[in-house]
Amino acid sequence: MSIVTLLPFIVLIGAMFLMTRSAKKKQQAAAQMRDEMQPGTGVRTIGGMYATVKEIGDETVLLEVAPGVHAVYAKNAIGAVLEDSEYNRIVHGDDEESDSDAVVPDDASSLTEAADAKTAEVEDAAPKADLTKKSDAAEAATEGQKDGKADGETDAK
């Protein structure tokens, strides 16, 4: 057998080796990430649920999904271990940047006063247009009189 005949098989075997090697690296990284979990850290499951780790077993993890609500998950179901700042930003909506610049009114009156003033200005500036067609109404009335029939009457007997 010549080398040209064996070349496709060599390429195929090399590609399979590279694919399994990268998959193995991903599995090792995921296992290392799961080993770094500690009680109190925030996690995201593979289903997209955010929770806090309460207890870690050999193959399972006890997660607190809401205050007082606990669920047992397999370790393999943990998609990511999150940093505290990222977990608080996602779950609690904490945002360090917006806390210093935001001014929140205690009621909605300041938001509606400006809109009411603009509406009043627009109403005063332009008269309301009459959208009814008087010519069409007059034509319909004269057409009804031509036939000598009122609305709803027919010739059928």
C-alpha atoms as a PDB file:
ATOM      1  CA  MET A   1       0.000   0.000   0.000  1.00  0.00           C
ATOM      2  CA  SER A   2       1.225   3.427  -0.818  1.00  0.00           C
ATOM      3  CA  ILE A   3       1.246   6.525   1.384  1.00  0.00           C
ATOM      4  CA  VAL A   4      -1.327   8.213  -0.882  1.00  0.00           C
ATOM      5  CA  THR A   5      -3.818   5.474  -0.099  1.00  0.00           C
ATOM      6  CA  LEU A   6      -3.266   5.796   3.658  1.00  0.00           C
ATOM      7  CA  LEU A   7      -3.352   9.621   3.694  1.00  0.00           C
ATOM      8  CA  PRO A   8      -7.176  10.001   4.110  1.00  0.00           C
ATOM      9  CA  PHE A   9      -7.140   7.566   7.030  1.00  0.00           C
ATOM     10  CA  ILE A  10      -4.257   9.416   8.693  1.00  0.00           C
ATOM     11  CA  VAL A  11      -6.059  12.745   8.325  1.00  0.00           C
ATOM     12  CA  LEU A  12      -9.276  11.258   9.734  1.00  0.00           C
ATOM     13  CA  ILE A  13      -7.485   9.771  12.740  1.00  0.00           C
ATOM     14  CA  GLY A  14      -5.681  13.085  13.368  1.00  0.00           C
ATOM     15  CA  ALA A  15      -8.959  15.027  13.271  1.00  0.00           C
ATOM     16  CA  MET A  16     -10.605  12.585  15.692  1.00  0.00           C
ATOM     17  CA  PHE A  17      -7.630  12.934  18.050  1.00  0.00           C
ATOM     18  CA  LEU A  18      -7.856  16.744  18.017  1.00  0.00           C
ATOM     19  CA  MET A  19     -11.627  16.711  18.610  1.00  0.00           C
ATOM     20  CA  THR A  20     -11.437  14.327  21.552  1.00  0.00           C
ATOM     21  CA  ARG A  21      -8.533  16.277  23.020  1.00  0.00           C
ATOM     22  CA  SER A  22     -10.486  19.579  23.007  1.00  0.00           C
ATOM     23  CA  ALA A  23     -13.580  17.886  24.431  1.00  0.00           C
ATOM     24  CA  LYS A  24     -11.487  16.365  27.217  1.00  0.00           C
ATOM     25  CA  LYS A  25     -10.032  19.803  28.047  1.00  0.00           C
ATOM     26  CA  LYS A  26     -13.545  21.274  28.274  1.00  0.00           C
ATOM     27  CA  GLN A  27     -14.662  18.476  30.587  1.00  0.00           C
ATOM     28  CA  GLN A  28     -11.642  18.978  32.825  1.00  0.00           C
ATOM     29  CA  ALA A  29     -12.264  22.735  33.000  1.00  0.00           C
ATOM     30  CA  ALA A  30     -15.931  22.140  33.914  1.00  0.00           C
ATOM     31  CA  ALA A  31     -14.958  19.631  36.604  1.00  0.00           C
ATOM     32  CA  GLN A  32     -12.410  22.053  38.048  1.00  0.00           C
ATOM     33  CA  MET A  33     -15.036  24.827  38.079  1.00  0.00           C
ATOM     34  CA  ARG A  34     -17.478  22.568  39.931  1.00  0.00           C
ATOM     35  CA  ASP A  35     -14.769  21.625  42.434  1.00  0.00           C
ATOM     36  CA  GLU A  36     -14.249  25.330  43.204  1.00  0.00           C
ATOM     37  CA  MET A  37     -17.859  25.638  44.405  1.00  0.00           C
ATOM     38  CA  GLN A  38     -18.267  26.468  48.060  1.00  0.00           C
ATOM     39  CA  PRO A  39     -21.355  27.043  50.189  1.00  0.00           C
ATOM     40  CA  GLY A  40     -22.559  30.615  49.709  1.00  0.00           C
ATOM     41  CA  THR A  41     -21.404  31.053  46.116  1.00  0.00           C
ATOM     42  CA  GLY A  42     -23.821  31.916  43.347  1.00  0.00           C
ATOM     43  CA  VAL A  43     -24.267  29.510  40.442  1.00  0.00           C
ATOM     44  CA  ARG A  44     -26.194  29.218  37.177  1.00  0.00           C
ATOM     45  CA  THR A  45     -27.594  25.815  36.238  1.00  0.00           C
ATOM     46  CA  ILE A  46     -27.541  24.440  32.707  1.00  0.00           C
ATOM     47  CA  GLY A  47     -31.256  25.259  32.603  1.00  0.00           C
ATOM     48  CA  GLY A  48     -30.560  28.948  33.280  1.00  0.00           C
ATOM     49  CA  MET A  49     -31.685  29.124  36.914  1.00  0.00           C
ATOM     50  CA  TYR A  50     -29.644  31.248  39.328  1.00  0.00           C
ATOM     51  CA  ALA A  51     -29.228  29.986  42.879  1.00  0.00           C
ATOM     52  CA  THR A  52     -26.952  29.998  45.929  1.00  0.00           C
ATOM     53  CA  VAL A  53     -25.048  26.872  46.992  1.00  0.00           C
ATOM     54  CA  LYS A  54     -26.015  25.659  50.475  1.00  0.00           C
ATOM     55  CA  GLU A  55     -24.410  22.206  50.706  1.00  0.00           C
ATOM     56  CA  ILE A  56     -22.126  20.142  48.495  1.00  0.00           C
ATOM     57  CA  GLY A  57     -22.286  16.350  48.414  1.00  0.00           C
ATOM     58  CA  ASP A  58     -20.307  13.781  46.434  1.00  0.00           C
ATOM     59  CA  GLU A  59     -22.528  13.879  43.342  1.00  0.00           C
ATOM     60  CA  THR A  60     -25.217  16.403  44.329  1.00  0.00           C
ATOM     61  CA  VAL A  61     -25.521  20.053  45.346  1.00  0.00           C
ATOM     62  CA  LEU A  62     -28.214  21.622  47.546  1.00  0.00           C
ATOM     63  CA  LEU A  63     -29.208  24.977  46.034  1.00  0.00           C
ATOM     64  CA  GLU A  64     -31.304  27.750  47.537  1.00  0.00           C
ATOM     65  CA  VAL A  65     -33.352  29.065  44.616  1.00  0.00           C
ATOM     66  CA  ALA A  66     -35.358  31.543  46.745  1.00  0.00           C
ATOM     67  CA  PRO A  67     -35.345  32.381  50.448  1.00  0.00           C
ATOM     68  CA  GLY A  68     -36.408  29.178  52.178  1.00  0.00           C
ATOM     69  CA  VAL A  69     -36.754  27.182  48.935  1.00  0.00           C
ATOM     70  CA  HIS A  70     -34.138  24.474  48.456  1.00  0.00           C
ATOM     71  CA  ALA A  71     -33.580  22.031  45.598  1.00  0.00           C
ATOM     72  CA  VAL A  72     -31.135  19.178  45.090  1.00  0.00           C
ATOM     73  CA  TYR A  73     -29.261  19.168  41.771  1.00  0.00           C
ATOM     74  CA  ALA A  74     -26.601  16.931  40.264  1.00  0.00           C
ATOM     75  CA  LYS A  75     -23.161  18.525  40.149  1.00  0.00           C
ATOM     76  CA  ASN A  76     -23.176  18.078  36.383  1.00  0.00           C
ATOM     77  CA  ALA A  77     -26.211  20.395  36.193  1.00  0.00           C
ATOM     78  CA  ILE A  78     -24.142  23.385  37.342  1.00  0.00           C
ATOM     79  CA  GLY A  79     -23.335  25.419  34.239  1.00  0.00           C
ATOM     80  CA  ALA A  80     -21.248  28.195  35.800  1.00  0.00           C
ATOM     81  CA  VAL A  81     -19.954  29.354  39.155  1.00  0.00           C
ATOM     82  CA  LEU A  82     -20.426  33.126  39.327  1.00  0.00           C
ATOM     83  CA  GLU A  83     -18.487  35.814  41.156  1.00  0.00           C
ATOM     84  CA  ASP A  84     -20.400  37.582  43.931  1.00  0.00           C
ATOM     85  CA  SER A  85     -20.598  40.890  42.052  1.00  0.00           C
ATOM     86  CA  GLU A  86     -21.927  39.244  38.874  1.00  0.00           C
ATOM     87  CA  TYR A  87     -24.442  37.132  40.821  1.00  0.00           C
ATOM     88  CA  ASN A  88     -25.751  40.197  42.718  1.00  0.00           C
ATOM     89  CA  ARG A  89     -25.971  42.216  39.500  1.00  0.00           C
ATOM     90  CA  ILE A  90     -28.016  39.528  37.748  1.00  0.00           C
ATOM     91  CA  VAL A  91     -30.231  38.298  40.595  1.00  0.00           C
ATOM     92  CA  HIS A  92     -30.705  41.409  42.744  1.00  0.00           C
ATOM     93  CA  GLY A  93     -30.224  44.056  40.053  1.00  0.00           C
ATOM     94  CA  ASP A  94     -27.319  45.683  41.886  1.00  0.00           C
ATOM     95  CA  ASP A  95     -25.464  48.102  39.636  1.00  0.00           C
ATOM     96  CA  GLU A  96     -22.630  50.167  41.123  1.00  0.00           C
ATOM     97  CA  GLU A  97     -22.597  52.727  38.282  1.00  0.00           C
ATOM     98  CA  SER A  98     -26.265  53.712  38.423  1.00  0.00           C
ATOM     99  CA  ASP A  99     -26.392  54.148  42.232  1.00  0.00           C
ATOM    100  CA  SER A 100     -24.400  57.403  42.258  1.00  0.00           C
ATOM    101  CA  ASP A 101     -26.039  59.265  39.355  1.00  0.00           C
ATOM    102  CA  ALA A 102     -29.685  58.202  39.555  1.00  0.00           C
ATOM    103  CA  VAL A 103     -32.272  60.575  40.997  1.00  0.00           C
ATOM    104  CA  VAL A 104     -35.544  58.818  41.692  1.00  0.00           C
ATOM    105  CA  PRO A 105     -38.619  60.949  42.521  1.00  0.00           C
ATOM    106  CA  ASP A 106     -40.773  59.821  45.432  1.00  0.00           C
ATOM    107  CA  ASP A 107     -43.927  59.984  43.285  1.00  0.00           C
ATOM    108  CA  ALA A 108     -44.863  60.063  39.605  1.00  0.00           C
ATOM    109  CA  SER A 109     -46.252  63.604  39.600  1.00  0.00           C
ATOM    110  CA  SER A 110     -42.988  65.088  38.327  1.00  0.00           C
ATOM    111  CA  LEU A 111     -43.094  62.710  35.393  1.00  0.00           C
ATOM    112  CA  THR A 112     -46.665  63.552  34.371  1.00  0.00           C
ATOM    113  CA  GLU A 113     -46.520  67.346  34.849  1.00  0.00           C
ATOM    114  CA  ALA A 114     -44.256  67.866  31.842  1.00  0.00           C
ATOM    115  CA  ALA A 115     -46.419  65.647  29.638  1.00  0.00           C
ATOM    116  CA  ASP A 116     -49.599  67.467  30.702  1.00  0.00           C
ATOM    117  CA  ALA A 117     -48.021  70.859  29.904  1.00  0.00           C
ATOM    118  CA  LYS A 118     -46.966  69.718  26.417  1.00  0.00           C
ATOM    119  CA  THR A 119     -50.444  68.321  25.724  1.00  0.00           C
ATOM    120  CA  ALA A 120     -52.097  71.591  26.762  1.00  0.00           C
ATOM    121  CA  GLU A 121     -49.761  73.593  24.497  1.00  0.00           C
ATOM    122  CA  VAL A 122     -50.554  71.397  21.496  1.00  0.00           C
ATOM    123  CA  GLU A 123     -54.324  71.613  22.093  1.00  0.00           C
ATOM    124  CA  ASP A 124     -54.214  75.418  22.346  1.00  0.00           C
ATOM    125  CA  ALA A 125     -52.052  75.861  19.257  1.00  0.00           C
ATOM    126  CA  ALA A 126     -54.062  73.845  16.730  1.00  0.00           C
ATOM    127  CA  PRO A 127     -57.851  73.594  16.459  1.00  0.00           C
ATOM    128  CA  LYS A 128     -59.270  70.096  16.194  1.00  0.00           C
ATOM    129  CA  ALA A 129     -59.954  68.964  12.660  1.00  0.00           C
ATOM    130  CA  ASP A 130     -63.465  67.876  11.641  1.00  0.00           C
ATOM    131  CA  LEU A 131     -62.950  64.433  10.154  1.00  0.00           C
ATOM    132  CA  THR A 132     -66.557  63.780   9.128  1.00  0.00           C
ATOM    133  CA  LYS A 133     -67.389  63.963   5.434  1.00  0.00           C
ATOM    134  CA  LYS A 134     -70.479  66.098   5.084  1.00  0.00           C
ATOM    135  CA  SER A 135     -70.655  65.643   1.310  1.00  0.00           C
ATOM    136  CA  ASP A 136     -70.813  61.833   1.642  1.00  0.00           C
ATOM    137  CA  ALA A 137     -73.596  62.041   4.192  1.00  0.00           C
ATOM    138  CA  ALA A 138     -75.605  64.389   1.950  1.00  0.00           C
ATOM    139  CA  GLU A 139     -75.124  62.108  -1.086  1.00  0.00           C
ATOM    140  CA  ALA A 140     -76.306  59.066   0.852  1.00  0.00           C
ATOM    141  CA  ALA A 141     -79.468  60.865   1.952  1.00  0.00           C
ATOM    142  CA  THR A 142     -80.354  61.974  -1.585  1.00  0.00           C
ATOM    143  CA  GLU A 143     -79.639  58.502  -2.977  1.00  0.00           C
ATOM    144  CA  GLY A 144     -82.063  56.960  -0.507  1.00  0.00           C
ATOM    145  CA  GLN A 145     -84.760  59.412  -1.584  1.00  0.00           C
ATOM    146  CA  LYS A 146     -84.242  58.668  -5.307  1.00  0.00           C
ATOM    147  CA  ASP A 147     -85.198  55.018  -4.902  1.00  0.00           C
ATOM    148  CA  GLY A 148     -88.088  55.844  -2.634  1.00  0.00           C
ATOM    149  CA  LYS A 149     -86.908  53.253  -0.143  1.00  0.00           C
ATOM    150  CA  ALA A 150     -85.686  53.645   3.348  1.00  0.00           C
ATOM    151  CA  ASP A 151     -82.762  51.729   4.743  1.00  0.00           C
ATOM    152  CA  GLY A 152     -83.438  48.034   5.078  1.00  0.00           C
ATOM    153  CA  GLU A 153     -86.399  47.844   2.653  1.00  0.00           C
ATOM    154  CA  THR A 154     -86.238  45.456  -0.311  1.00  0.00           C
ATOM    155  CA  ASP A 155     -88.349  44.661  -3.375  1.00  0.00           C
ATOM    156  CA  ALA A 156     -88.605  40.940  -2.671  1.00  0.00           C
ATOM    157  CA  LYS A 157     -92.023  39.597  -1.698  1.00  0.00           C
END
